[in-house]
Structure formats: C-alpha cells, structure tokens
C-alpha cells in the first residue's frame, strides 16, 4: 500500500508524485507493497464494488 512517505518524499525531491514513483521504480524500490493475500482481498473488494 502506498504510504504517506511517498508524497512527502516527492515534495522534498521537488518532483511530482508520478515522476517520483517512476524514479523509485527505476531503482527497483517498491512504493506499493502488498502481500499476496492483501492484494487478493483488494481485488475481491474492487470486483464486488463494481458489480451493478
């Protein structure tokens, strides 16, 4: 899950959040880090909420 650190770190680096996340990705540093069961639960919830 994205932590508040990313927004503040981007601000300190004087980068927009998207560019900062891309920068971290280039360094292979995860910004969003879910365990498999957490990710499964998130997808399940998203699917349930998207049903009419």
Protein backbone atom coordinates (compact mmCIF):
# COMPACT_ATOMS: atom_id res chain seq x y z
CA UNK A 1 0.00 0.00 0.00
CA UNK A 2 1.24 3.47 -0.75
CA UNK A 3 2.49 5.15 2.38
CA UNK A 4 2.32 8.87 3.17
CA UNK A 5 6.09 8.86 2.81
CA UNK A 6 5.85 8.86 -0.99
CA UNK A 7 4.03 12.17 -1.20
CA UNK A 8 6.32 13.88 1.26
CA UNK A 9 9.44 12.38 -0.30
CA UNK A 10 8.32 13.55 -3.75
CA UNK A 11 7.76 17.03 -2.36
CA UNK A 12 11.23 17.08 -0.78
CA UNK A 13 12.75 15.87 -4.06
CA UNK A 14 10.80 18.63 -5.84
CA UNK A 15 9.15 16.08 -8.14
CA UNK A 16 5.54 15.37 -8.92
CA UNK A 17 4.38 12.16 -7.27
CA UNK A 18 4.12 10.27 -10.58
CA UNK A 19 7.68 11.17 -11.58
CA UNK A 20 8.95 10.26 -8.12
CA UNK A 21 7.23 6.86 -8.29
CA UNK A 22 8.76 6.28 -11.74
CA UNK A 23 12.17 7.25 -10.34
CA UNK A 24 11.81 4.75 -7.50
CA UNK A 25 10.65 2.10 -9.97
CA UNK A 26 13.84 2.64 -11.97
CA UNK A 27 15.76 1.90 -8.78
CA UNK A 28 13.60 -1.19 -8.15
CA UNK A 29 12.22 0.33 -4.93
CA UNK A 30 8.57 -0.65 -4.41
CA UNK A 31 6.15 2.11 -3.45
CA UNK A 32 3.15 -0.18 -3.22
CA UNK A 33 3.98 -3.41 -1.48
CA UNK A 34 1.13 -5.86 -0.89
CA UNK A 35 1.28 -9.36 0.48
CA UNK A 36 -0.48 -11.80 -1.86
CA UNK A 37 -3.49 -12.24 0.45
CA UNK A 38 -3.88 -8.46 0.83
CA UNK A 39 -3.82 -8.00 -2.93
CA UNK A 40 -6.39 -10.78 -3.40
CA UNK A 41 -8.67 -9.10 -0.86
CA UNK A 42 -8.30 -5.72 -2.61
CA UNK A 43 -9.21 -7.24 -5.99
CA UNK A 44 -12.17 -9.08 -4.49
CA UNK A 45 -13.47 -5.87 -2.92
CA UNK A 46 -12.98 -3.94 -6.17
CA UNK A 47 -14.89 -6.57 -8.12
CA UNK A 48 -17.74 -6.56 -5.58
CA UNK A 49 -17.98 -2.77 -5.67
CA UNK A 50 -18.01 -2.69 -9.46
CA UNK A 51 -20.97 -5.05 -9.76
CA UNK A 52 -24.27 -3.30 -10.60
